[in-house]
C-alpha atoms as a PDB file:
ATOM      1  CA  MET A   1      -7.860 -29.688 -29.567  1.00  0.00           C
ATOM      2  CA  ASN A   2      -5.270 -27.048 -30.346  1.00  0.00           C
ATOM      3  CA  ALA A   3      -3.732 -25.114 -27.469  1.00  0.00           C
ATOM      4  CA  PRO A   4      -4.704 -21.426 -27.245  1.00  0.00           C
ATOM      5  CA  ALA A   5      -2.409 -19.136 -29.172  1.00  0.00           C
ATOM      6  CA  ALA A   6       0.210 -17.401 -27.066  1.00  0.00           C
ATOM      7  CA  THR A   7      -0.349 -13.695 -26.500  1.00  0.00           C
ATOM      8  CA  ASP A   8       2.084 -10.843 -25.964  1.00  0.00           C
ATOM      9  CA  SER A   9       1.117 -10.996 -22.302  1.00  0.00           C
ATOM     10  CA  ASP A  10       1.979 -14.707 -22.182  1.00  0.00           C
ATOM     11  CA  ASP A  11       5.346 -13.959 -23.764  1.00  0.00           C
ATOM     12  CA  MET A  12       5.996 -11.215 -21.228  1.00  0.00           C
ATOM     13  CA  ILE A  13       5.165 -13.531 -18.313  1.00  0.00           C
ATOM     14  CA  ALA A  14       7.434 -16.226 -19.738  1.00  0.00           C
ATOM     15  CA  GLY A  15      10.269 -13.741 -20.244  1.00  0.00           C
ATOM     16  CA  LEU A  16       9.995 -12.414 -16.697  1.00  0.00           C
ATOM     17  CA  ALA A  17       9.923 -15.934 -15.297  1.00  0.00           C
ATOM     18  CA  ALA A  18      13.030 -16.921 -17.237  1.00  0.00           C
ATOM     19  CA  ARG A  19      14.997 -13.865 -16.154  1.00  0.00           C
ATOM     20  CA  PHE A  20      13.760 -13.177 -12.626  1.00  0.00           C
ATOM     21  CA  GLY A  21      11.985 -16.303 -11.370  1.00  0.00           C
ATOM     22  CA  PHE A  22      13.123 -18.621  -8.580  1.00  0.00           C
ATOM     23  CA  ARG A  23      11.553 -22.065  -8.547  1.00  0.00           C
ATOM     24  CA  TYR A  24       8.879 -22.414  -5.862  1.00  0.00           C
ATOM     25  CA  HIS A  25       9.518 -18.910  -4.492  1.00  0.00           C
ATOM     26  CA  ILE A  26       9.254 -16.201  -7.182  1.00  0.00           C
ATOM     27  CA  SER A  27       6.940 -16.633 -10.151  1.00  0.00           C
ATOM     28  CA  PHE A  28       4.957 -14.453 -12.536  1.00  0.00           C
ATOM     29  CA  GLU A  29       1.294 -14.922 -13.359  1.00  0.00           C
ATOM     30  CA  HIS A  30      -1.831 -13.413 -14.857  1.00  0.00           C
ATOM     31  CA  THR A  31      -4.396 -12.018 -12.434  1.00  0.00           C
ATOM     32  CA  MET A  32      -7.749 -10.371 -13.076  1.00  0.00           C
ATOM     33  CA  PHE A  33      -5.961  -7.060 -12.455  1.00  0.00           C
ATOM     34  CA  GLY A  34      -3.035  -7.673 -14.809  1.00  0.00           C
ATOM     35  CA  PRO A  35       0.389  -9.346 -14.602  1.00  0.00           C
ATOM     36  CA  ALA A  36       1.754  -9.916 -11.112  1.00  0.00           C
ATOM     37  CA  VAL A  37       4.682 -11.431  -9.283  1.00  0.00           C
ATOM     38  CA  ARG A  38       3.998 -14.114  -6.695  1.00  0.00           C
ATOM     39  CA  LEU A  39       6.378 -14.326  -3.729  1.00  0.00           C
ATOM     40  CA  GLU A  40       6.165 -17.476  -1.627  1.00  0.00           C
ATOM     41  CA  THR A  41       8.213 -18.754   1.319  1.00  0.00           C
ATOM     42  CA  HIS A  42       7.429 -21.061   4.194  1.00  0.00           C
ATOM     43  CA  HIS A  43       6.309 -17.909   6.050  1.00  0.00           C
ATOM     44  CA  GLY A  44       3.506 -17.108   3.602  1.00  0.00           C
ATOM     45  CA  LEU A  45       2.555 -15.655   0.225  1.00  0.00           C
ATOM     46  CA  ALA A  46       2.299 -12.211  -1.374  1.00  0.00           C
ATOM     47  CA  ARG A  47       1.323 -10.905  -4.811  1.00  0.00           C
ATOM     48  CA  VAL A  48       2.425  -7.620  -6.367  1.00  0.00           C
ATOM     49  CA  LEU A  49       0.911  -6.152  -9.526  1.00  0.00           C
ATOM     50  CA  LEU A  50       3.337  -4.835 -12.126  1.00  0.00           C
ATOM     51  CA  LYS A  51       0.810  -2.060 -12.697  1.00  0.00           C
ATOM     52  CA  GLY A  52       1.373   0.446  -9.920  1.00  0.00           C
ATOM     53  CA  ALA A  53       3.726  -1.893  -8.005  1.00  0.00           C
ATOM     54  CA  GLN A  54       0.655  -2.533  -5.874  1.00  0.00           C
ATOM     55  CA  VAL A  55       0.704  -5.350  -3.335  1.00  0.00           C
ATOM     56  CA  ILE A  56      -2.726  -6.983  -3.595  1.00  0.00           C
ATOM     57  CA  ASP A  57      -2.416 -10.108  -1.476  1.00  0.00           C
ATOM     58  CA  TRP A  58      -0.578 -11.202   1.661  1.00  0.00           C
ATOM     59  CA  SER A  59      -1.136 -14.190   3.893  1.00  0.00           C
ATOM     60  CA  THR A  60       0.951 -16.074   6.434  1.00  0.00           C
ATOM     61  CA  ARG A  61       0.861 -19.685   7.567  1.00  0.00           C
ATOM     62  CA  ASP A  62      -1.472 -18.715  10.411  1.00  0.00           C
ATOM     63  CA  HIS A  63      -3.388 -15.751   8.980  1.00  0.00           C
ATOM     64  CA  ASP A  64      -5.028 -15.448   5.571  1.00  0.00           C
ATOM     65  CA  ALA A  65      -6.361 -12.396   3.699  1.00  0.00           C
ATOM     66  CA  ILE A  66      -4.516  -9.747   5.717  1.00  0.00           C
ATOM     67  CA  LEU A  67      -4.962  -7.118   3.021  1.00  0.00           C
ATOM     68  CA  TRP A  68      -8.371  -5.944   1.830  1.00  0.00           C
ATOM     69  CA  THR A  69      -9.527  -5.390  -1.735  1.00  0.00           C
ATOM     70  CA  SER A  70     -12.994  -4.190  -2.659  1.00  0.00           C
ATOM     71  CA  SER A  71     -15.513  -7.015  -3.007  1.00  0.00           C
ATOM     72  CA  ARG A  72     -16.702  -5.295  -6.168  1.00  0.00           C
ATOM     73  CA  GLU A  73     -13.283  -5.964  -7.695  1.00  0.00           C
ATOM     74  CA  GLY A  74     -13.409  -9.701  -6.917  1.00  0.00           C
ATOM     75  CA  GLU A  75     -12.298 -11.521  -3.790  1.00  0.00           C
ATOM     76  CA  HIS A  76      -9.416 -13.378  -5.433  1.00  0.00           C
ATOM     77  CA  ALA A  77      -6.836 -11.844  -7.716  1.00  0.00           C
ATOM     78  CA  ALA A  78      -5.451 -15.021  -9.263  1.00  0.00           C
ATOM     79  CA  THR A  79      -8.079 -15.608 -11.982  1.00  0.00           C
ATOM     80  CA  PRO A  80      -9.329 -14.927 -14.594  1.00  0.00           C
ATOM     81  CA  PRO A  81      -6.596 -13.333 -16.707  1.00  0.00           C
ATOM     82  CA  SER A  82      -8.873 -10.740 -18.319  1.00  0.00           C
ATOM     83  CA  PRO A  83      -9.289  -7.559 -16.222  1.00  0.00           C
ATOM     84  CA  PRO A  84     -12.816  -6.339 -15.474  1.00  0.00           C
ATOM     85  CA  ALA A  85     -14.123  -3.196 -17.154  1.00  0.00           C
ATOM     86  CA  SER A  86     -13.614  -1.224 -13.937  1.00  0.00           C
ATOM     87  CA  GLN A  87      -9.880  -1.914 -14.195  1.00  0.00           C
ATOM     88  CA  SER A  88      -9.228  -0.079 -17.446  1.00  0.00           C
ATOM     89  CA  ILE A  89      -5.769   1.367 -17.934  1.00  0.00           C
ATOM     90  CA  GLY A  90      -5.132   4.218 -15.530  1.00  0.00           C
ATOM     91  CA  LYS A  91      -7.785   3.257 -12.952  1.00  0.00           C
ATOM     92  CA  PRO A  92      -6.124   1.725  -9.881  1.00  0.00           C
ATOM     93  CA  LEU A  93      -7.566  -1.177  -7.942  1.00  0.00           C
ATOM     94  CA  ARG A  94      -9.075  -0.145  -4.602  1.00  0.00           C
ATOM     95  CA  GLY A  95      -7.320  -2.147  -1.930  1.00  0.00           C
ATOM     96  CA  GLY A  96      -4.010  -3.776  -1.128  1.00  0.00           C
ATOM     97  CA  ILE A  97      -1.137  -1.284  -0.859  1.00  0.00           C
ATOM     98  CA  PRO A  98      -1.293   1.469  -3.512  1.00  0.00           C
ATOM     99  CA  VAL A  99       1.753   3.734  -3.916  1.00  0.00           C
ATOM    100  CA  CYS A 100       0.926   7.456  -3.608  1.00  0.00           C
ATOM    101  CA  TRP A 101       3.725   9.594  -5.130  1.00  0.00           C
ATOM    102  CA  PRO A 102       4.981  12.363  -5.631  1.00  0.00           C
ATOM    103  CA  TRP A 103       2.047  13.967  -3.847  1.00  0.00           C
ATOM    104  CA  PHE A 104      -0.367  12.608  -1.299  1.00  0.00           C
ATOM    105  CA  GLY A 105      -4.062  13.464  -1.279  1.00  0.00           C
ATOM    106  CA  SER A 106      -6.399  15.185  -3.674  1.00  0.00           C
ATOM    107  CA  ASP A 107      -5.285  17.747  -6.249  1.00  0.00           C
ATOM    108  CA  ARG A 108      -5.454  21.213  -4.718  1.00  0.00           C
ATOM    109  CA  SER A 109      -3.783  22.955  -7.635  1.00  0.00           C
ATOM    110  CA  GLY A 110      -6.941  23.048  -9.735  1.00  0.00           C
ATOM    111  CA  THR A 111      -5.016  21.693 -12.719  1.00  0.00           C
ATOM    112  CA  GLY A 112      -6.772  18.329 -12.883  1.00  0.00           C
ATOM    113  CA  ARG A 113      -3.926  16.265 -11.484  1.00  0.00           C
ATOM    114  CA  PRO A 114      -4.961  12.809 -10.246  1.00  0.00           C
ATOM    115  CA  ALA A 115      -5.373  12.233  -6.523  1.00  0.00           C
ATOM    116  CA  HIS A 116      -2.383  10.612  -4.836  1.00  0.00           C
ATOM    117  CA  GLY A 117       0.045  11.193  -7.693  1.00  0.00           C
ATOM    118  CA  PHE A 118       0.576   9.474 -11.014  1.00  0.00           C
ATOM    119  CA  VAL A 119       2.449   6.205 -10.403  1.00  0.00           C
ATOM    120  CA  ARG A 120      -0.258   3.992  -8.889  1.00  0.00           C
ATOM    121  CA  GLY A 121      -1.941   3.435 -12.260  1.00  0.00           C
ATOM    122  CA  ALA A 122       1.250   3.209 -14.324  1.00  0.00           C
ATOM    123  CA  PRO A 123       3.298   0.156 -15.356  1.00  0.00           C
ATOM    124  CA  TRP A 124       6.487  -0.498 -13.377  1.00  0.00           C
ATOM    125  CA  THR A 125       9.557  -2.422 -14.561  1.00  0.00           C
ATOM    126  CA  VAL A 126      11.106  -5.371 -12.745  1.00  0.00           C
ATOM    127  CA  ARG A 127      14.720  -4.513 -11.917  1.00  0.00           C
ATOM    128  CA  ARG A 128      15.823  -7.431  -9.763  1.00  0.00           C
ATOM    129  CA  THR A 129      14.705 -10.283  -7.558  1.00  0.00           C
ATOM    130  CA  ALA A 130      16.418 -12.095  -4.710  1.00  0.00           C
ATOM    131  CA  CYS A 131      15.697 -15.292  -2.854  1.00  0.00           C
ATOM    132  CA  GLU A 132      16.950 -17.184   0.159  1.00  0.00           C
ATOM    133  CA  PRO A 133      15.111 -20.465  -0.368  1.00  0.00           C
ATOM    134  CA  ALA A 134      12.198 -21.024   2.021  1.00  0.00           C
ATOM    135  CA  GLU A 135      13.051 -17.926   4.076  1.00  0.00           C
ATOM    136  CA  THR A 136      13.028 -14.729   1.987  1.00  0.00           C
ATOM    137  CA  ALA A 137      11.840 -13.631  -1.448  1.00  0.00           C
ATOM    138  CA  SER A 138      11.975 -10.072  -2.767  1.00  0.00           C
ATOM    139  CA  ILE A 139      11.398  -8.018  -5.882  1.00  0.00           C
ATOM    140  CA  THR A 140      12.433  -4.483  -6.810  1.00  0.00           C
ATOM    141  CA  LEU A 141      10.372  -2.539  -9.342  1.00  0.00           C
ATOM    142  CA  GLU A 142      11.042   0.874 -10.867  1.00  0.00           C
ATOM    143  CA  ALA A 143       8.565   3.435 -12.156  1.00  0.00           C
ATOM    144  CA  ASP A 144       9.153   5.328 -15.390  1.00  0.00           C
ATOM    145  CA  VAL A 145       8.613   8.685 -13.718  1.00  0.00           C
ATOM    146  CA  ALA A 146       8.858  10.752 -16.900  1.00  0.00           C
ATOM    147  CA  ALA A 147       6.340   8.625 -18.816  1.00  0.00           C
ATOM    148  CA  ALA A 148       3.920   8.156 -15.916  1.00  0.00           C
ATOM    149  CA  GLY A 149       3.982  11.858 -15.102  1.00  0.00           C
ATOM    150  CA  ALA A 150       3.737  13.186 -18.649  1.00  0.00           C
ATOM    151  CA  GLY A 151       1.563  16.279 -18.518  1.00  0.00           C
ATOM    152  CA  PHE A 152       1.998  16.672 -14.757  1.00  0.00           C
ATOM    153  CA  ASP A 153       5.495  18.219 -14.662  1.00  0.00           C
ATOM    154  CA  PRO A 154       7.175  15.085 -13.263  1.00  0.00           C
ATOM    155  CA  PRO A 155      10.282  15.512 -11.129  1.00  0.00           C
ATOM    156  CA  ASP A 156      13.689  14.376 -12.322  1.00  0.00           C
ATOM    157  CA  ALA A 157      13.848  11.443  -9.950  1.00  0.00           C
ATOM    158  CA  ARG A 158      14.269   7.690  -9.730  1.00  0.00           C
ATOM    159  CA  LEU A 159      11.537   5.799  -7.863  1.00  0.00           C
ATOM    160  CA  THR A 160      11.834   2.153  -6.820  1.00  0.00           C
ATOM    161  CA  LEU A 161       9.838  -0.125  -4.560  1.00  0.00           C
ATOM    162  CA  THR A 162      11.298  -3.249  -2.984  1.00  0.00           C
ATOM    163  CA  VAL A 163       8.826  -5.768  -1.574  1.00  0.00           C
ATOM    164  CA  THR A 164      10.271  -8.484   0.671  1.00  0.00           C
ATOM    165  CA  LEU A 165       8.415 -11.482   2.058  1.00  0.00           C
ATOM    166  CA  SER A 166      10.073 -13.083   5.073  1.00  0.00           C
ATOM    167  CA  ASP A 167       8.750 -13.481   8.612  1.00  0.00           C
ATOM    168  CA  CYS A 168       7.102 -10.124   7.857  1.00  0.00           C
ATOM    169  CA  LEU A 169       6.058  -8.195   4.751  1.00  0.00           C
ATOM    170  CA  GLY A 170       8.489  -5.331   4.144  1.00  0.00           C
ATOM    171  CA  LEU A 171       8.221  -2.416   1.707  1.00  0.00           C
ATOM    172  CA  ARG A 172      10.955   0.111   0.870  1.00  0.00           C
ATOM    173  CA  LEU A 173       9.948   3.060  -1.332  1.00  0.00           C
ATOM    174  CA  ARG A 174      13.098   4.896  -2.450  1.00  0.00           C
ATOM    175  CA  THR A 175      13.192   8.296  -4.142  1.00  0.00           C
ATOM    176  CA  THR A 176      16.495   9.514  -5.582  1.00  0.00           C
ATOM    177  CA  ASN A 177      16.705  13.146  -6.656  1.00  0.00           C
ATOM    178  CA  LEU A 178      18.479  13.289 -10.035  1.00  0.00           C
ATOM    179  CA  ALA A 179      18.122  17.064 -10.408  1.00  0.00           C
ATOM    180  CA  ARG A 180      20.484  19.845  -9.382  1.00  0.00           C
ATOM    181  CA  GLU A 181      17.926  21.448  -7.088  1.00  0.00           C
ATOM    182  CA  PRO A 182      16.233  20.096  -3.950  1.00  0.00           C
ATOM    183  CA  LEU A 183      13.087  18.033  -4.514  1.00  0.00           C
ATOM    184  CA  THR A 184      10.105  18.149  -2.136  1.00  0.00           C
ATOM    185  CA  ILE A 185       7.562  15.326  -2.197  1.00  0.00           C
ATOM    186  CA  SER A 186       4.700  13.956  -0.152  1.00  0.00           C
ATOM    187  CA  GLN A 187       3.876  10.257  -0.397  1.00  0.00           C
ATOM    188  CA  ALA A 188       2.226   7.269   1.253  1.00  0.00           C
ATOM    189  CA  LEU A 189       1.899   3.521   1.204  1.00  0.00           C
ATOM    190  CA  HIS A 190      -1.915   3.516   1.322  1.00  0.00           C
ATOM    191  CA  THR A 191      -2.398   0.168   3.072  1.00  0.00           C
ATOM    192  CA  TYR A 192      -5.880  -1.368   3.301  1.00  0.00           C
ATOM    193  CA  PHE A 193      -6.192  -3.992   6.042  1.00  0.00           C
ATOM    194  CA  ARG A 194      -8.947  -6.590   6.110  1.00  0.00           C
ATOM    195  CA  ILE A 195     -10.689  -6.690   9.489  1.00  0.00           C
ATOM    196  CA  GLY A 196     -13.512  -8.750  10.945  1.00  0.00           C
ATOM    197  CA  ASP A 197     -15.832  -5.960  12.087  1.00  0.00           C
ATOM    198  CA  ILE A 198     -15.070  -2.237  12.349  1.00  0.00           C
ATOM    199  CA  ASP A 199     -16.967  -2.113  15.664  1.00  0.00           C
ATOM    200  CA  ARG A 200     -14.453  -4.483  17.246  1.00  0.00           C
ATOM    201  CA  VAL A 201     -11.216  -2.828  16.141  1.00  0.00           C
ATOM    202  CA  ALA A 202      -8.901  -0.494  18.041  1.00  0.00           C
ATOM    203  CA  ILE A 203      -5.779   1.182  16.646  1.00  0.00           C
ATOM    204  CA  LEU A 204      -3.011   1.598  19.219  1.00  0.00           C
ATOM    205  CA  GLY A 205       0.199   3.625  19.215  1.00  0.00           C
ATOM    206  CA  LEU A 206      -1.136   7.111  18.469  1.00  0.00           C
ATOM    207  CA  ASP A 207      -2.229   8.216  21.947  1.00  0.00           C
ATOM    208  CA  GLY A 208      -1.167  11.842  22.498  1.00  0.00           C
ATOM    209  CA  CYS A 209      -0.278  12.362  18.836  1.00  0.00           C
ATOM    210  CA  GLY A 210      -1.558  15.453  17.055  1.00  0.00           C
ATOM    211  CA  TYR A 211      -3.570  15.024  13.886  1.00  0.00           C
ATOM    212  CA  LEU A 212      -5.232  16.986  11.111  1.00  0.00           C
ATOM    213  CA  ASP A 213      -8.912  16.196  10.606  1.00  0.00           C
ATOM    214  CA  ALA A 214      -9.474  16.261   6.842  1.00  0.00           C
ATOM    215  CA  LEU A 215     -13.241  16.116   7.404  1.00  0.00           C
ATOM    216  CA  ASP A 216     -13.187  19.388   9.352  1.00  0.00           C
ATOM    217  CA  GLY A 217     -11.002  21.669   7.255  1.00  0.00           C
ATOM    218  CA  PHE A 218      -7.801  20.008   8.522  1.00  0.00           C
ATOM    219  CA  ALA A 219      -8.474  21.244  12.047  1.00  0.00           C
ATOM    220  CA  GLU A 220      -5.708  20.345  14.506  1.00  0.00           C
ATOM    221  CA  ARG A 221      -6.621  17.865  17.225  1.00  0.00           C
ATOM    222  CA  VAL A 222      -4.881  15.484  19.640  1.00  0.00           C
ATOM    223  CA  GLN A 223      -5.606  11.767  19.900  1.00  0.00           C
ATOM    224  CA  SER A 224      -6.695  10.510  23.315  1.00  0.00           C
ATOM    225  CA  GLY A 225      -6.432   6.759  23.817  1.00  0.00           C
ATOM    226  CA  PRO A 226      -6.846   4.162  21.058  1.00  0.00           C
ATOM    227  CA  VAL A 227      -8.398   5.159  17.738  1.00  0.00           C
ATOM    228  CA  ARG A 228     -11.889   3.652  17.402  1.00  0.00           C
ATOM    229  CA  LEU A 229     -14.098   4.127  14.382  1.00  0.00           C
ATOM    230  CA  SER A 230     -17.846   4.735  14.493  1.00  0.00           C
ATOM    231  CA  CYS A 231     -18.154   7.162  11.559  1.00  0.00           C
ATOM    232  CA  GLU A 232     -16.145   8.362   8.559  1.00  0.00           C
ATOM    233  CA  VAL A 233     -12.525   9.035   9.534  1.00  0.00           C
ATOM    234  CA  ASP A 234      -9.817  10.779   7.495  1.00  0.00           C
ATOM    235  CA  ARG A 235      -6.906  11.904   9.659  1.00  0.00           C
ATOM    236  CA  ILE A 236      -3.237  12.703   9.153  1.00  0.00           C
ATOM    237  CA  TYR A 237      -1.304  12.020  12.359  1.00  0.00           C
ATOM    238  CA  VAL A 238       1.989  13.916  12.537  1.00  0.00           C
ATOM    239  CA  ASP A 239       4.719  13.638  15.165  1.00  0.00           C
ATOM    240  CA  MET A 240       7.915  15.397  14.124  1.00  0.00           C
ATOM    241  CA  SER A 241       9.920  14.263  17.160  1.00  0.00           C
ATOM    242  CA  GLU A 242      13.001  12.172  16.469  1.00  0.00           C
ATOM    243  CA  ALA A 243      11.516   9.260  18.429  1.00  0.00           C
ATOM    244  CA  ALA A 244       8.579   9.117  16.015  1.00  0.00           C
ATOM    245  CA  ARG A 245      10.865   8.407  13.050  1.00  0.00           C
ATOM    246  CA  THR A 246      10.569   4.747  14.036  1.00  0.00           C
ATOM    247  CA  ARG A 247       7.152   3.859  15.393  1.00  0.00           C
ATOM    248  CA  THR A 248       4.813   0.896  15.633  1.00  0.00           C
ATOM    249  CA  ILE A 249       1.060   1.205  15.201  1.00  0.00           C
ATOM    250  CA  THR A 250      -1.060  -1.809  16.125  1.00  0.00           C
ATOM    251  CA  VAL A 251      -4.419  -2.728  14.606  1.00  0.00           C
ATOM    252  CA  ARG A 252      -6.141  -4.848  17.264  1.00  0.00           C
ATOM    253  CA  ASP A 253      -8.863  -6.940  15.624  1.00  0.00           C
ATOM    254  CA  LEU A 254     -11.001  -8.716  18.210  1.00  0.00           C
ATOM    255  CA  SER A 255     -13.232 -10.453  15.650  1.00  0.00           C
ATOM    256  CA  ARG A 256     -10.321 -12.127  13.867  1.00  0.00           C
ATOM    257  CA  GLU A 257      -8.384 -12.607  17.108  1.00  0.00           C
ATOM    258  CA  ARG A 258      -5.214 -11.033  15.800  1.00  0.00           C
ATOM    259  CA  SER A 259      -3.111  -7.897  15.877  1.00  0.00           C
ATOM    260  CA  ILE A 260      -1.403  -6.333  12.869  1.00  0.00           C
ATOM    261  CA  LEU A 261       1.789  -4.437  13.711  1.00  0.00           C
ATOM    262  CA  VAL A 262       2.873  -1.614  11.394  1.00  0.00           C
ATOM    263  CA  THR A 263       6.478  -0.527  12.025  1.00  0.00           C
ATOM    264  CA  SER A 264       7.698   2.405   9.938  1.00  0.00           C
ATOM    265  CA  GLN A 265      10.928   4.309   9.350  1.00  0.00           C
ATOM    266  CA  GLY A 266      11.614   7.486   7.399  1.00  0.00           C
ATOM    267  CA  SER A 267       8.122   8.673   8.277  1.00  0.00           C
ATOM    268  CA  ALA A 268       6.738  10.998  10.931  1.00  0.00           C
ATOM    269  CA  SER A 269       3.145  10.813   9.707  1.00  0.00           C
ATOM    270  CA  ALA A 270       0.436   8.190   9.455  1.00  0.00           C
ATOM    271  CA  VAL A 271      -3.006   8.320   7.893  1.00  0.00           C
ATOM    272  CA  ILE A 272      -6.081   6.574   9.304  1.00  0.00           C
ATOM    273  CA  TRP A 273      -8.980   6.316   6.845  1.00  0.00           C
ATOM    274  CA  ASN A 274     -12.372   4.668   6.622  1.00  0.00           C
ATOM    275  CA  PRO A 275     -15.054   6.043   4.262  1.00  0.00           C
ATOM    276  CA  TRP A 276     -18.026   4.739   6.294  1.00  0.00           C
ATOM    277  CA  ILE A 277     -21.468   4.465   4.699  1.00  0.00           C
ATOM    278  CA  GLU A 278     -22.203   7.542   2.596  1.00  0.00           C
ATOM    279  CA  LYS A 279     -18.751   7.988   1.091  1.00  0.00           C
ATOM    280  CA  SER A 280     -18.543   4.267   0.297  1.00  0.00           C
ATOM    281  CA  GLN A 281     -21.681   4.688  -1.780  1.00  0.00           C
ATOM    282  CA  ARG A 282     -20.265   7.729  -3.568  1.00  0.00           C
ATOM    283  CA  LEU A 283     -16.972   6.032  -4.389  1.00  0.00           C
ATOM    284  CA  GLY A 284     -18.729   3.504  -6.603  1.00  0.00           C
ATOM    285  CA  ASP A 285     -16.144   0.718  -6.263  1.00  0.00           C
ATOM    286  CA  MET A 286     -17.123  -0.501  -2.786  1.00  0.00           C
ATOM    287  CA  ALA A 287     -20.028  -2.746  -1.815  1.00  0.00           C
ATOM    288  CA  ALA A 288     -22.539  -1.461   0.723  1.00  0.00           C
ATOM    289  CA  ASP A 289     -20.914  -3.090   3.746  1.00  0.00           C
ATOM    290  CA  ASP A 290     -17.267  -3.105   2.617  1.00  0.00           C
ATOM    291  CA  TYR A 291     -16.486  -0.257   5.027  1.00  0.00           C
ATOM    292  CA  ARG A 292     -17.122  -2.631   7.936  1.00  0.00           C
ATOM    293  CA  ARG A 293     -14.365  -4.997   6.802  1.00  0.00           C
ATOM    294  CA  MET A 294     -11.502  -2.587   6.102  1.00  0.00           C
ATOM    295  CA  VAL A 295      -9.402   0.149   7.611  1.00  0.00           C
ATOM    296  CA  CYS A 296      -6.472   2.038   6.104  1.00  0.00           C
ATOM    297  CA  VAL A 297      -3.358   2.596   8.209  1.00  0.00           C
ATOM    298  CA  GLU A 298      -0.991   4.400   5.871  1.00  0.00           C
ATOM    299  CA  THR A 299       2.729   4.997   6.312  1.00  0.00           C
ATOM    300  CA  ALA A 300       3.323   8.471   4.937  1.00  0.00           C
ATOM    301  CA  ASN A 301       5.314  11.632   4.453  1.00  0.00           C
ATOM    302  CA  ALA A 302       2.340  13.977   4.471  1.00  0.00           C
ATOM    303  CA  ALA A 303       1.378  17.494   5.625  1.00  0.00           C
ATOM    304  CA  SER A 304       4.306  19.022   7.556  1.00  0.00           C
ATOM    305  CA  ASP A 305       6.137  15.695   7.167  1.00  0.00           C
ATOM    306  CA  ALA A 306       6.675  16.224   3.416  1.00  0.00           C
ATOM    307  CA  VAL A 307      10.340  15.523   2.699  1.00  0.00           C
ATOM    308  CA  THR A 308      12.912  17.604   0.838  1.00  0.00           C
ATOM    309  CA  ILE A 309      15.643  15.565  -0.861  1.00  0.00           C
ATOM    310  CA  GLY A 310      18.907  17.201  -1.822  1.00  0.00           C
ATOM    311  CA  PRO A 311      20.515  16.751  -5.269  1.00  0.00           C
ATOM    312  CA  GLY A 312      21.846  13.229  -5.693  1.00  0.00           C
ATOM    313  CA  LEU A 313      20.380  12.044  -2.392  1.00  0.00           C
ATOM    314  CA  THR A 314      17.840   9.315  -1.630  1.00  0.00           C
ATOM    315  CA  HIS A 315      14.972   9.165   0.836  1.00  0.00           C
ATOM    316  CA  THR A 316      13.554   5.786   1.887  1.00  0.00           C
ATOM    317  CA  LEU A 317      10.038   5.345   3.215  1.00  0.00           C
ATOM    318  CA  ALA A 318      10.063   1.958   4.947  1.00  0.00           C
ATOM    319  CA  VAL A 319       7.448  -0.211   6.616  1.00  0.00           C
ATOM    320  CA  ASP A 320       7.286  -3.747   7.987  1.00  0.00           C
ATOM    321  CA  TYR A 321       3.991  -5.535   8.651  1.00  0.00           C
ATOM    322  CA  ARG A 322       3.620  -8.408  11.109  1.00  0.00           C
ATOM    323  CA  VAL A 323       0.604 -10.351  12.312  1.00  0.00           C
ATOM    324  CA  GLY A 324       0.319 -11.914  15.730  1.00  0.00           C
ATOM    325  CA  PRO A 325      -2.091 -12.852  18.481  1.00  0.00           C
ATOM    326  CA  LEU A 326      -4.090 -10.299  20.437  1.00  0.00           C
ATOM    327  CA  ASP A 327      -2.079  -8.613  23.174  1.00  0.00           C
ATOM    328  CA  PRO A 328      -3.826  -9.550  26.425  1.00  0.00           C
ATOM    329  CA  ALA A 329      -2.445  -6.404  28.066  1.00  0.00           C
ATOM    330  CA  ALA A 330      -3.965  -4.076  25.461  1.00  0.00           C
ATOM    331  CA  PRO A 331      -7.218  -2.224  26.147  1.00  0.00           C
ATOM    332  CA  PRO A 332     -10.360  -3.910  24.782  1.00  0.00           C
ATOM    333  CA  SER A 333     -11.570  -2.886  21.337  1.00  0.00           C
ATOM    334  CA  ARG A 334     -15.017  -2.326  22.794  1.00  0.00           C
END
């Protein structure tokens, strides 16, 4: 039997592997959502789509399936190579860690701009990889801002994302202003975490923080105690104090007997989101009970935390994710 004919996609994967691969640690592969890079160390495994620079998979030696993707998109991203109809060009996968840039949220201009910016459905280019065998593997991708934002008045800026797998999963989203005038952006790393049961989850680290309730006209409120979810939640937490520029938010998951720690820098805002029942049904790309198995804890520059970058300067939105055992000193999830 003759081997299948090579495709342009096969050639691209082979070319990337030859130029940027590291044996056992950095490889390129087809997934059902398009080409991806696979990072693997003795700490765990991560996959990043070249479309949207979207992390879609992360597991450690002790904890699997830390990120959530919609069950309607398929539970595993490794096969088959052909994308489903719902993943046509321009439609992002729901789940993992989408990149929202250069604006966060829905289009309020009335001009038909896509929600959460224009880079999460666009192809990104591999710029470099690095590897310390067994310990660390990383990849840096760059968006073609002008091409991705054609028709949306894209800024004159360079946008890169570095994803590093070590004893944690680290993301660094860097925006460099190439123009002669200041550039103001809002952005987020829209992280979907897989949880055991929404009823047995508490989110710690936001007690006393003010937030905007997007479900009530962005009314201003203050968080009291851990965040617990029993209905649709869409909140932008903002703390402009200097101390908040480095913060850790903990997702305490009693069902899966683990805590996920989200440590951010270059951000004074965080978004907590769960669509609950009715919105899940309206979205069309979530199964009926998917809302029970996910929660978004997003590292952001949103609302009053939008950032202005001077000419020639760079802003870095950074986050590190770690998974560990439940903290016995923490308050119960229920």
